[in-house]
PDB file of all heavy atoms in Angstrom:
ATOM      1  N   ILE A   1      94.249  84.607 103.302  1.00  0.00           N
ATOM      2  CA  ILE A   1      93.161  85.556 103.057  1.00  0.00           C
ATOM      3  C   ILE A   1      92.268  84.919 102.010  1.00  0.00           C
ATOM      4  O   ILE A   1      92.736  84.560 100.921  1.00  0.00           O
ATOM      5  CB  ILE A   1      93.680  86.921 102.585  1.00  0.00           C
ATOM      6  CG1 ILE A   1      94.534  87.558 103.677  1.00  0.00           C
ATOM      7  CG2 ILE A   1      92.499  87.833 102.197  1.00  0.00           C
ATOM      8  CD1 ILE A   1      95.157  88.890 103.313  1.00  0.00           C
ATOM      9  N   SER A   2      90.988  84.761 102.349  1.00  0.00           N
ATOM     10  CA  SER A   2      90.012  84.243 101.391  1.00  0.00           C
ATOM     11  C   SER A   2      89.367  85.423 100.686  1.00  0.00           C
ATOM     12  O   SER A   2      89.018  86.421 101.328  1.00  0.00           O
ATOM     13  CB  SER A   2      88.935  83.420 102.106  1.00  0.00           C
ATOM     14  OG  SER A   2      89.510  82.275 102.678  1.00  0.00           O
ATOM     15  N   ILE A   3      89.219  85.286  99.384  1.00  0.00           N
ATOM     16  CA  ILE A   3      88.570  86.330  98.587  1.00  0.00           C
ATOM     17  C   ILE A   3      87.316  85.706  97.990  1.00  0.00           C
ATOM     18  O   ILE A   3      87.391  84.650  97.355  1.00  0.00           O
ATOM     19  CB  ILE A   3      89.481  86.848  97.456  1.00  0.00           C
ATOM     20  CG1 ILE A   3      90.853  87.243  97.998  1.00  0.00           C
ATOM     21  CG2 ILE A   3      88.809  88.030  96.746  1.00  0.00           C
ATOM     22  CD1 ILE A   3      91.875  87.536  96.896  1.00  0.00           C
ATOM     23  N   SER A   4      86.182  86.342  98.210  1.00  0.00           N
ATOM     24  CA  SER A   4      84.925  85.803  97.694  1.00  0.00           C
ATOM     25  C   SER A   4      84.118  86.895  97.012  1.00  0.00           C
ATOM     26  O   SER A   4      84.239  88.076  97.334  1.00  0.00           O
ATOM     27  CB  SER A   4      84.120  85.146  98.821  1.00  0.00           C
ATOM     28  OG  SER A   4      83.877  86.064  99.852  1.00  0.00           O
ATOM     29  N   GLU A   5      83.298  86.450  96.077  1.00  0.00           N
ATOM     30  CA  GLU A   5      82.421  87.373  95.367  1.00  0.00           C
ATOM     31  C   GLU A   5      81.151  87.584  96.174  1.00  0.00           C
ATOM     32  O   GLU A   5      80.634  86.653  96.789  1.00  0.00           O
ATOM     33  CB  GLU A   5      82.077  86.808  93.994  1.00  0.00           C
ATOM     34  CG  GLU A   5      83.264  86.731  93.065  1.00  0.00           C
ATOM     35  CD  GLU A   5      82.942  86.151  91.694  1.00  0.00           C
ATOM     36  OE1 GLU A   5      81.794  85.700  91.471  1.00  0.00           O
ATOM     37  OE2 GLU A   5      83.849  86.141  90.845  1.00  0.00           O
ATOM     38  N   SER A   6      80.670  88.819  96.175  1.00  0.00           N
ATOM     39  CA  SER A   6      79.371  89.136  96.764  1.00  0.00           C
ATOM     40  C   SER A   6      78.695  90.129  95.820  1.00  0.00           C
ATOM     41  O   SER A   6      79.347  90.695  94.938  1.00  0.00           O
ATOM     42  CB  SER A   6      79.523  89.748  98.160  1.00  0.00           C
ATOM     43  OG  SER A   6      79.790  91.139  98.090  1.00  0.00           O
ATOM     44  N   ARG A   7      77.448  90.352  96.013  1.00  0.00           N
ATOM     45  CA  ARG A   7      76.736  91.296  95.140  1.00  0.00           C
ATOM     46  C   ARG A   7      77.209  92.731  95.350  1.00  0.00           C
ATOM     47  O   ARG A   7      76.928  93.619  94.562  1.00  0.00           O
ATOM     48  CB  ARG A   7      75.235  91.167  95.309  1.00  0.00           C
ATOM     49  CG  ARG A   7      74.735  91.543  96.675  1.00  0.00           C
ATOM     50  CD  ARG A   7      73.292  91.246  96.852  1.00  0.00           C
ATOM     51  NE  ARG A   7      72.507  92.362  96.375  1.00  0.00           N
ATOM     52  CZ  ARG A   7      71.243  92.527  96.640  1.00  0.00           C
ATOM     53  NH1 ARG A   7      70.589  91.650  97.353  1.00  0.00           N
ATOM     54  NH2 ARG A   7      70.605  93.574  96.182  1.00  0.00           N
ATOM     55  N   TYR A   8      77.958  92.978  96.439  1.00  0.00           N
ATOM     56  CA  TYR A   8      78.439  94.325  96.757  1.00  0.00           C
ATOM     57  C   TYR A   8      79.897  94.549  96.372  1.00  0.00           C
ATOM     58  O   TYR A   8      80.414  95.643  96.548  1.00  0.00           O
ATOM     59  CB  TYR A   8      78.255  94.599  98.246  1.00  0.00           C
ATOM     60  CG  TYR A   8      76.830  94.407  98.683  1.00  0.00           C
ATOM     61  CD1 TYR A   8      76.466  93.280  99.406  1.00  0.00           C
ATOM     62  CD2 TYR A   8      75.841  95.315  98.328  1.00  0.00           C
ATOM     63  CE1 TYR A   8      75.144  93.079  99.786  1.00  0.00           C
ATOM     64  CE2 TYR A   8      74.520  95.122  98.700  1.00  0.00           C
ATOM     65  CZ  TYR A   8      74.182  93.998  99.429  1.00  0.00           C
ATOM     66  OH  TYR A   8      72.879  93.805  99.795  1.00  0.00           O
ATOM     67  N   GLY A   9      80.566  93.508  95.887  1.00  0.00           N
ATOM     68  CA  GLY A   9      81.977  93.585  95.537  1.00  0.00           C
ATOM     69  C   GLY A   9      82.711  92.399  96.125  1.00  0.00           C
ATOM     70  O   GLY A   9      82.111  91.511  96.734  1.00  0.00           O
ATOM     71  N   LEU A  10      84.023  92.374  95.958  1.00  0.00           N
ATOM     72  CA  LEU A  10      84.810  91.279  96.508  1.00  0.00           C
ATOM     73  C   LEU A  10      85.037  91.480  98.000  1.00  0.00           C
ATOM     74  O   LEU A  10      85.292  92.593  98.457  1.00  0.00           O
ATOM     75  CB  LEU A  10      86.156  91.170  95.792  1.00  0.00           C
ATOM     76  CG  LEU A  10      86.109  90.756  94.316  1.00  0.00           C
ATOM     77  CD1 LEU A  10      87.526  90.638  93.750  1.00  0.00           C
ATOM     78  CD2 LEU A  10      85.353  89.455  94.126  1.00  0.00           C
ATOM     79  N   VAL A  11      84.962  90.371  98.738  1.00  0.00           N
ATOM     80  CA  VAL A  11      85.168  90.376 100.179  1.00  0.00           C
ATOM     81  C   VAL A  11      86.489  89.665 100.467  1.00  0.00           C
ATOM     82  O   VAL A  11      86.703  88.538 100.022  1.00  0.00           O
ATOM     83  CB  VAL A  11      84.017  89.664 100.917  1.00  0.00           C
ATOM     84  CG1 VAL A  11      84.268  89.651 102.423  1.00  0.00           C
ATOM     85  CG2 VAL A  11      82.687  90.327 100.596  1.00  0.00           C
ATOM     86  N   PHE A  12      87.379  90.338 101.194  1.00  0.00           N
ATOM     87  CA  PHE A  12      88.676  89.801 101.579  1.00  0.00           C
ATOM     88  C   PHE A  12      88.598  89.464 103.074  1.00  0.00           C
ATOM     89  O   PHE A  12      88.460  90.367 103.897  1.00  0.00           O
ATOM     90  CB  PHE A  12      89.780  90.832 101.337  1.00  0.00           C
ATOM     91  CG  PHE A  12      89.984  91.160  99.880  1.00  0.00           C
ATOM     92  CD1 PHE A  12      89.091  91.980  99.194  1.00  0.00           C
ATOM     93  CD2 PHE A  12      91.084  90.646  99.199  1.00  0.00           C
ATOM     94  CE1 PHE A  12      89.287  92.280  97.855  1.00  0.00           C
ATOM     95  CE2 PHE A  12      91.284  90.939  97.861  1.00  0.00           C
ATOM     96  CZ  PHE A  12      90.387  91.755  97.183  1.00  0.00           C
ATOM     97  N   THR A  13      88.682  88.163 103.397  1.00  0.00           N
ATOM     98  CA  THR A  13      88.551  87.718 104.780  1.00  0.00           C
ATOM     99  C   THR A  13      89.877  87.135 105.253  1.00  0.00           C
ATOM    100  O   THR A  13      90.263  86.043 104.833  1.00  0.00           O
ATOM    101  CB  THR A  13      87.429  86.675 104.912  1.00  0.00           C
ATOM    102  OG1 THR A  13      86.218  87.228 104.387  1.00  0.00           O
ATOM    103  CG2 THR A  13      87.215  86.290 106.370  1.00  0.00           C
ATOM    104  N   PRO A  14      90.587  87.872 106.124  1.00  0.00           N
ATOM    105  CA  PRO A  14      91.892  87.394 106.593  1.00  0.00           C
ATOM    106  C   PRO A  14      91.775  86.397 107.745  1.00  0.00           C
ATOM    107  O   PRO A  14      90.858  86.479 108.560  1.00  0.00           O
ATOM    108  CB  PRO A  14      92.574  88.678 107.071  1.00  0.00           C
ATOM    109  CG  PRO A  14      91.442  89.539 107.528  1.00  0.00           C
ATOM    110  CD  PRO A  14      90.272  89.209 106.622  1.00  0.00           C
ATOM    111  N   THR A  15      92.700  85.486 107.773  1.00  0.00           N
ATOM    112  CA  THR A  15      92.948  84.610 108.917  1.00  0.00           C
ATOM    113  C   THR A  15      94.466  84.659 109.101  1.00  0.00           C
ATOM    114  O   THR A  15      95.192  83.779 108.645  1.00  0.00           O
ATOM    115  CB  THR A  15      92.461  83.168 108.638  1.00  0.00           C
ATOM    116  OG1 THR A  15      91.088  83.216 108.269  1.00  0.00           O
ATOM    117  CG2 THR A  15      92.616  82.287 109.874  1.00  0.00           C
ATOM    118  N   LEU A  16      94.917  85.754 109.693  1.00  0.00           N
ATOM    119  CA  LEU A  16      96.351  86.035 109.800  1.00  0.00           C
ATOM    120  C   LEU A  16      96.782  86.152 111.249  1.00  0.00           C
ATOM    121  O   LEU A  16      95.983  86.527 112.118  1.00  0.00           O
ATOM    122  CB  LEU A  16      96.680  87.349 109.073  1.00  0.00           C
ATOM    123  CG  LEU A  16      96.362  87.429 107.583  1.00  0.00           C
ATOM    124  CD1 LEU A  16      96.575  88.852 107.067  1.00  0.00           C
ATOM    125  CD2 LEU A  16      97.206  86.448 106.807  1.00  0.00           C
ATOM    126  N   ALA A  17      98.050  85.867 111.501  1.00  0.00           N
ATOM    127  CA  ALA A  17      98.645  86.035 112.831  1.00  0.00           C
ATOM    128  C   ALA A  17     100.091  86.475 112.648  1.00  0.00           C
ATOM    129  O   ALA A  17     100.699  86.249 111.594  1.00  0.00           O
ATOM    130  CB  ALA A  17      98.584  84.722 113.611  1.00  0.00           C
ATOM    131  N   GLY A  18     100.640  87.127 113.671  1.00  0.00           N
ATOM    132  CA  GLY A  18     102.035  87.537 113.623  1.00  0.00           C
ATOM    133  C   GLY A  18     102.271  88.914 113.026  1.00  0.00           C
ATOM    134  O   GLY A  18     103.382  89.228 112.624  1.00  0.00           O
ATOM    135  N   LEU A  19     101.241  89.739 112.978  1.00  0.00           N
ATOM    136  CA  LEU A  19     101.365  91.096 112.465  1.00  0.00           C
ATOM    137  C   LEU A  19     101.413  92.079 113.634  1.00  0.00           C
ATOM    138  O   LEU A  19     100.987  91.762 114.743  1.00  0.00           O
ATOM    139  CB  LEU A  19     100.190  91.439 111.549  1.00  0.00           C
ATOM    140  CG  LEU A  19     100.200  90.797 110.161  1.00  0.00           C
ATOM    141  CD1 LEU A  19      99.712  89.372 110.207  1.00  0.00           C
ATOM    142  CD2 LEU A  19      99.328  91.599 109.222  1.00  0.00           C
ATOM    143  N   GLU A  20     101.900  93.283 113.360  1.00  0.00           N
ATOM    144  CA  GLU A  20     101.884  94.347 114.363  1.00  0.00           C
ATOM    145  C   GLU A  20     100.454  94.848 114.518  1.00  0.00           C
ATOM    146  O   GLU A  20      99.762  95.065 113.520  1.00  0.00           O
ATOM    147  CB  GLU A  20     102.784  95.508 113.927  1.00  0.00           C
ATOM    148  CG  GLU A  20     104.257  95.196 114.004  1.00  0.00           C
ATOM    149  CD  GLU A  20     104.743  95.004 115.432  1.00  0.00           C
ATOM    150  OE1 GLU A  20     104.335  95.766 116.324  1.00  0.00           O
ATOM    151  OE2 GLU A  20     105.537  94.066 115.650  1.00  0.00           O
ATOM    152  N   PRO A  21      99.991  95.039 115.755  1.00  0.00           N
ATOM    153  CA  PRO A  21      98.634  95.561 115.966  1.00  0.00           C
ATOM    154  C   PRO A  21      98.456  96.940 115.317  1.00  0.00           C
ATOM    155  O   PRO A  21      99.401  97.710 115.207  1.00  0.00           O
ATOM    156  CB  PRO A  21      98.535  95.678 117.491  1.00  0.00           C
ATOM    157  CG  PRO A  21      99.540  94.708 118.009  1.00  0.00           C
ATOM    158  CD  PRO A  21     100.667  94.731 117.005  1.00  0.00           C
ATOM    159  N   GLY A  22      97.239  97.209 114.871  1.00  0.00           N
ATOM    160  CA  GLY A  22      96.898  98.506 114.292  1.00  0.00           C
ATOM    161  C   GLY A  22      96.333  98.383 112.893  1.00  0.00           C
ATOM    162  O   GLY A  22      95.896  97.318 112.461  1.00  0.00           O
ATOM    163  N   ILE A  23      96.372  99.489 112.197  1.00  0.00           N
ATOM    164  CA  ILE A  23      95.827  99.585 110.844  1.00  0.00           C
ATOM    165  C   ILE A  23      96.973  99.436 109.848  1.00  0.00           C
ATOM    166  O   ILE A  23      98.035 100.033 110.020  1.00  0.00           O
ATOM    167  CB  ILE A  23      95.128 100.950 110.637  1.00  0.00           C
ATOM    168  CG1 ILE A  23      94.007 101.147 111.671  1.00  0.00           C
ATOM    169  CG2 ILE A  23      94.594 101.086 109.230  1.00  0.00           C
ATOM    170  CD1 ILE A  23      92.867 100.167 111.562  1.00  0.00           C
ATOM    171  N   HIS A  24      96.735  98.660 108.797  1.00  0.00           N
ATOM    172  CA  HIS A  24      97.761  98.410 107.780  1.00  0.00           C
ATOM    173  C   HIS A  24      97.217  98.679 106.385  1.00  0.00           C
ATOM    174  O   HIS A  24      96.061  98.349 106.099  1.00  0.00           O
ATOM    175  CB  HIS A  24      98.230  96.950 107.838  1.00  0.00           C
ATOM    176  CG  HIS A  24      98.972  96.622 109.087  1.00  0.00           C
ATOM    177  ND1 HIS A  24     100.344  96.653 109.155  1.00  0.00           N
ATOM    178  CD2 HIS A  24      98.536  96.276 110.324  1.00  0.00           C
ATOM    179  CE1 HIS A  24     100.724  96.322 110.371  1.00  0.00           C
ATOM    180  NE2 HIS A  24      99.645  96.102 111.104  1.00  0.00           N
ATOM    181  N   GLY A  25      98.076  99.256 105.529  1.00  0.00           N
ATOM    182  CA  GLY A  25      97.736  99.386 104.124  1.00  0.00           C
ATOM    183  C   GLY A  25      97.560  98.004 103.527  1.00  0.00           C
ATOM    184  O   GLY A  25      98.279  97.065 103.878  1.00  0.00           O
ATOM    185  N   PHE A  26      96.594  97.869 102.612  1.00  0.00           N
ATOM    186  CA  PHE A  26      96.211  96.572 102.051  1.00  0.00           C
ATOM    187  C   PHE A  26      95.883  96.807 100.586  1.00  0.00           C
ATOM    188  O   PHE A  26      95.037  97.649 100.277  1.00  0.00           O
ATOM    189  CB  PHE A  26      95.006  96.072 102.854  1.00  0.00           C
ATOM    190  CG  PHE A  26      94.543  94.685 102.578  1.00  0.00           C
ATOM    191  CD1 PHE A  26      95.430  93.644 102.378  1.00  0.00           C
ATOM    192  CD2 PHE A  26      93.182  94.412 102.563  1.00  0.00           C
ATOM    193  CE1 PHE A  26      94.977  92.354 102.169  1.00  0.00           C
ATOM    194  CE2 PHE A  26      92.712  93.133 102.360  1.00  0.00           C
ATOM    195  CZ  PHE A  26      93.617  92.099 102.152  1.00  0.00           C
ATOM    196  N   HIS A  27      96.576  96.102  99.690  1.00  0.00           N
ATOM    197  CA  HIS A  27      96.423  96.394  98.256  1.00  0.00           C
ATOM    198  C   HIS A  27      96.575  95.155  97.393  1.00  0.00           C
ATOM    199  O   HIS A  27      97.251  94.208  97.777  1.00  0.00           O
ATOM    200  CB  HIS A  27      97.499  97.397  97.797  1.00  0.00           C
ATOM    201  CG  HIS A  27      97.571  98.616  98.634  1.00  0.00           C
ATOM    202  ND1 HIS A  27      98.534  98.789  99.600  1.00  0.00           N
ATOM    203  CD2 HIS A  27      96.786  99.709  98.679  1.00  0.00           C
ATOM    204  CE1 HIS A  27      98.344  99.953 100.200  1.00  0.00           C
ATOM    205  NE2 HIS A  27      97.287 100.533  99.658  1.00  0.00           N
ATOM    206  N   VAL A  28      96.000  95.239  96.199  1.00  0.00           N
ATOM    207  CA  VAL A  28      96.281  94.277  95.133  1.00  0.00           C
ATOM    208  C   VAL A  28      97.408  94.904  94.315  1.00  0.00           C
ATOM    209  O   VAL A  28      97.310  96.070  93.902  1.00  0.00           O
ATOM    210  CB  VAL A  28      95.047  94.027  94.242  1.00  0.00           C
ATOM    211  CG1 VAL A  28      95.408  93.133  93.064  1.00  0.00           C
ATOM    212  CG2 VAL A  28      93.909  93.420  95.058  1.00  0.00           C
ATOM    213  N   HIS A  29      98.485  94.150  94.101  1.00  0.00           N
ATOM    214  CA  HIS A  29      99.623  94.629  93.308  1.00  0.00           C
ATOM    215  C   HIS A  29      99.624  93.961  91.938  1.00  0.00           C
ATOM    216  O   HIS A  29      99.001  92.926  91.733  1.00  0.00           O
ATOM    217  CB  HIS A  29     100.935  94.366  94.053  1.00  0.00           C
ATOM    218  CG  HIS A  29     101.187  95.366  95.149  1.00  0.00           C
ATOM    219  ND1 HIS A  29     102.261  96.228  95.126  1.00  0.00           N
ATOM    220  CD2 HIS A  29     100.509  95.645  96.283  1.00  0.00           C
ATOM    221  CE1 HIS A  29     102.228  96.996  96.211  1.00  0.00           C
ATOM    222  NE2 HIS A  29     101.166  96.656  96.937  1.00  0.00           N
ATOM    223  N   MET A  30     100.338  94.567  91.007  1.00  0.00           N
ATOM    224  CA  MET A  30     100.311  94.197  89.590  1.00  0.00           C
ATOM    225  C   MET A  30     100.722  92.766  89.267  1.00  0.00           C
ATOM    226  O   MET A  30     100.101  92.113  88.440  1.00  0.00           O
ATOM    227  CB  MET A  30     101.232  95.129  88.792  1.00  0.00           C
ATOM    228  CG  MET A  30     100.654  96.490  88.519  1.00  0.00           C
ATOM    229  SD  MET A  30      99.176  96.429  87.510  1.00  0.00           S
ATOM    230  CE  MET A  30      99.766  95.582  86.051  1.00  0.00           C
ATOM    231  N   THR A  31     101.797  92.268  89.846  1.00  0.00           N
ATOM    232  CA  THR A  31     102.428  91.039  89.380  1.00  0.00           C
ATOM    233  C   THR A  31     102.369  89.936  90.426  1.00  0.00           C
ATOM    234  O   THR A  31     102.602  90.182  91.605  1.00  0.00           O
ATOM    235  CB  THR A  31     103.903  91.325  89.014  1.00  0.00           C
ATOM    236  OG1 THR A  31     103.927  92.432  88.114  1.00  0.00           O
ATOM    237  CG2 THR A  31     104.556  90.142  88.355  1.00  0.00           C
ATOM    238  N   ALA A  32     102.116  88.718  89.976  1.00  0.00           N
ATOM    239  CA  ALA A  32     102.011  87.554  90.864  1.00  0.00           C
ATOM    240  C   ALA A  32     103.395  87.050  91.244  1.00  0.00           C
ATOM    241  O   ALA A  32     103.818  85.958  90.870  1.00  0.00           O
ATOM    242  CB  ALA A  32     101.212  86.458  90.185  1.00  0.00           C
ATOM    243  N   ASN A  33     104.134  87.878  91.985  1.00  0.00           N
ATOM    244  CA  ASN A  33     105.496  87.513  92.361  1.00  0.00           C
ATOM    245  C   ASN A  33     105.844  88.243  93.658  1.00  0.00           C
ATOM    246  O   ASN A  33     105.834  89.473  93.701  1.00  0.00           O
ATOM    247  CB  ASN A  33     106.465  87.911  91.244  1.00  0.00           C
ATOM    248  CG  ASN A  33     107.854  87.382  91.447  1.00  0.00           C
ATOM    249  OD1 ASN A  33     108.282  87.133  92.569  1.00  0.00           O
ATOM    250  ND2 ASN A  33     108.581  87.237  90.354  1.00  0.00           N
ATOM    251  N   CYS A  34     106.177  87.479  94.685  1.00  0.00           N
ATOM    252  CA  CYS A  34     106.494  88.063  95.997  1.00  0.00           C
ATOM    253  C   CYS A  34     107.989  88.062  96.285  1.00  0.00           C
ATOM    254  O   CYS A  34     108.402  88.239  97.440  1.00  0.00           O
ATOM    255  CB  CYS A  34     105.731  87.314  97.092  1.00  0.00           C
ATOM    256  SG  CYS A  34     103.940  87.556  97.008  1.00  0.00           S
ATOM    257  N   ASN A  35     108.816  87.893  95.266  1.00  0.00           N
ATOM    258  CA  ASN A  35     110.267  87.902  95.463  1.00  0.00           C
ATOM    259  C   ASN A  35     110.773  89.315  95.719  1.00  0.00           C
ATOM    260  O   ASN A  35     110.167  90.295  95.298  1.00  0.00           O
ATOM    261  CB  ASN A  35     110.986  87.327  94.242  1.00  0.00           C
ATOM    262  CG  ASN A  35     110.748  85.846  94.100  1.00  0.00           C
ATOM    263  OD1 ASN A  35     110.539  85.139  95.076  1.00  0.00           O
ATOM    264  ND2 ASN A  35     110.767  85.365  92.867  1.00  0.00           N
ATOM    265  N   ALA A  36     111.924  89.395  96.372  1.00  0.00           N
ATOM    266  CA  ALA A  36     112.586  90.683  96.582  1.00  0.00           C
ATOM    267  C   ALA A  36     113.270  91.099  95.279  1.00  0.00           C
ATOM    268  O   ALA A  36     113.627  90.249  94.460  1.00  0.00           O
ATOM    269  CB  ALA A  36     113.613  90.558  97.699  1.00  0.00           C
ATOM    270  N   VAL A  37     113.405  92.399  95.075  1.00  0.00           N
ATOM    271  CA  VAL A  37     114.161  92.930  93.933  1.00  0.00           C
ATOM    272  C   VAL A  37     115.083  94.033  94.429  1.00  0.00           C
ATOM    273  O   VAL A  37     114.824  94.670  95.453  1.00  0.00           O
ATOM    274  CB  VAL A  37     113.261  93.473  92.796  1.00  0.00           C
ATOM    275  CG1 VAL A  37     112.429  92.382  92.173  1.00  0.00           C
ATOM    276  CG2 VAL A  37     112.380  94.596  93.266  1.00  0.00           C
ATOM    277  N   GLU A  38     116.134  94.243  93.673  1.00  0.00           N
ATOM    278  CA  GLU A  38     117.074  95.296  94.028  1.00  0.00           C
ATOM    279  C   GLU A  38     116.598  96.618  93.440  1.00  0.00           C
ATOM    280  O   GLU A  38     116.315  96.726  92.255  1.00  0.00           O
ATOM    281  CB  GLU A  38     118.470  94.959  93.498  1.00  0.00           C
ATOM    282  CG  GLU A  38     119.527  95.915  94.015  1.00  0.00           C
ATOM    283  CD  GLU A  38     120.924  95.514  93.583  1.00  0.00           C
ATOM    284  OE1 GLU A  38     121.204  94.298  93.527  1.00  0.00           O
ATOM    285  OE2 GLU A  38     121.713  96.423  93.306  1.00  0.00           O
ATOM    286  N   VAL A  39     116.502  97.617  94.300  1.00  0.00           N
ATOM    287  CA  VAL A  39     116.120  98.967  93.895  1.00  0.00           C
ATOM    288  C   VAL A  39     117.151  99.908  94.491  1.00  0.00           C
ATOM    289  O   VAL A  39     117.316  99.957  95.712  1.00  0.00           O
ATOM    290  CB  VAL A  39     114.699  99.331  94.388  1.00  0.00           C
ATOM    291  CG1 VAL A  39     114.356 100.769  94.009  1.00  0.00           C
ATOM    292  CG2 VAL A  39     113.666  98.369  93.843  1.00  0.00           C
ATOM    293  N   ASN A  40     117.853 100.650  93.633  1.00  0.00           N
ATOM    294  CA  ASN A  40     118.885 101.588  94.082  1.00  0.00           C
ATOM    295  C   ASN A  40     119.912 100.921  95.002  1.00  0.00           C
ATOM    296  O   ASN A  40     120.287 101.485  96.044  1.00  0.00           O
ATOM    297  CB  ASN A  40     118.267 102.811  94.761  1.00  0.00           C
ATOM    298  CG  ASN A  40     117.370 103.597  93.829  1.00  0.00           C
ATOM    299  OD1 ASN A  40     117.636 103.699  92.635  1.00  0.00           O
ATOM    300  ND2 ASN A  40     116.295 104.138  94.364  1.00  0.00           N
ATOM    301  N   GLY A  41     120.314  99.704  94.651  1.00  0.00           N
ATOM    302  CA  GLY A  41     121.338  99.002  95.404  1.00  0.00           C
ATOM    303  C   GLY A  41     120.878  98.351  96.692  1.00  0.00           C
ATOM    304  O   GLY A  41     121.681  97.822  97.445  1.00  0.00           O
ATOM    305  N   LYS A  42     119.571  98.382  96.966  1.00  0.00           N
ATOM    306  CA  LYS A  42     119.035  97.795  98.192  1.00  0.00           C
ATOM    307  C   LYS A  42     117.912  96.822  97.837  1.00  0.00           C
ATOM    308  O   LYS A  42     117.088  97.109  96.971  1.00  0.00           O
ATOM    309  CB  LYS A  42     118.506  98.902  99.101  1.00  0.00           C
ATOM    310  CG  LYS A  42     118.002  98.399 100.423  1.00  0.00           C
ATOM    311  CD  LYS A  42     117.498  99.528 101.297  1.00  0.00           C
ATOM    312  CE  LYS A  42     116.947  98.944 102.575  1.00  0.00           C
ATOM    313  NZ  LYS A  42     116.114  99.862 103.303  1.00  0.00           N
ATOM    314  N   LEU A  43     117.877  95.668  98.512  1.00  0.00           N
ATOM    315  CA  LEU A  43     116.811  94.701  98.273  1.00  0.00           C
ATOM    316  C   LEU A  43     115.497  95.180  98.885  1.00  0.00           C
ATOM    317  O   LEU A  43     115.459  95.581 100.049  1.00  0.00           O
ATOM    318  CB  LEU A  43     117.182  93.335  98.837  1.00  0.00           C
ATOM    319  CG  LEU A  43     118.207  92.558  98.024  1.00  0.00           C
ATOM    320  CD1 LEU A  43     118.625  91.277  98.755  1.00  0.00           C
ATOM    321  CD2 LEU A  43     117.648  92.208  96.651  1.00  0.00           C
TER     322      LEU A  43
END
């Protein structure tokens, strides 16, 4: 996903494959870490 600045805000341009068709939630998360963590005994 390329992120670029524009006068209207940031533009997120995906070049993705292998996802389920349809609409997906898309967010910026707090921490730069994509590792799994244990929550309530489950990863």
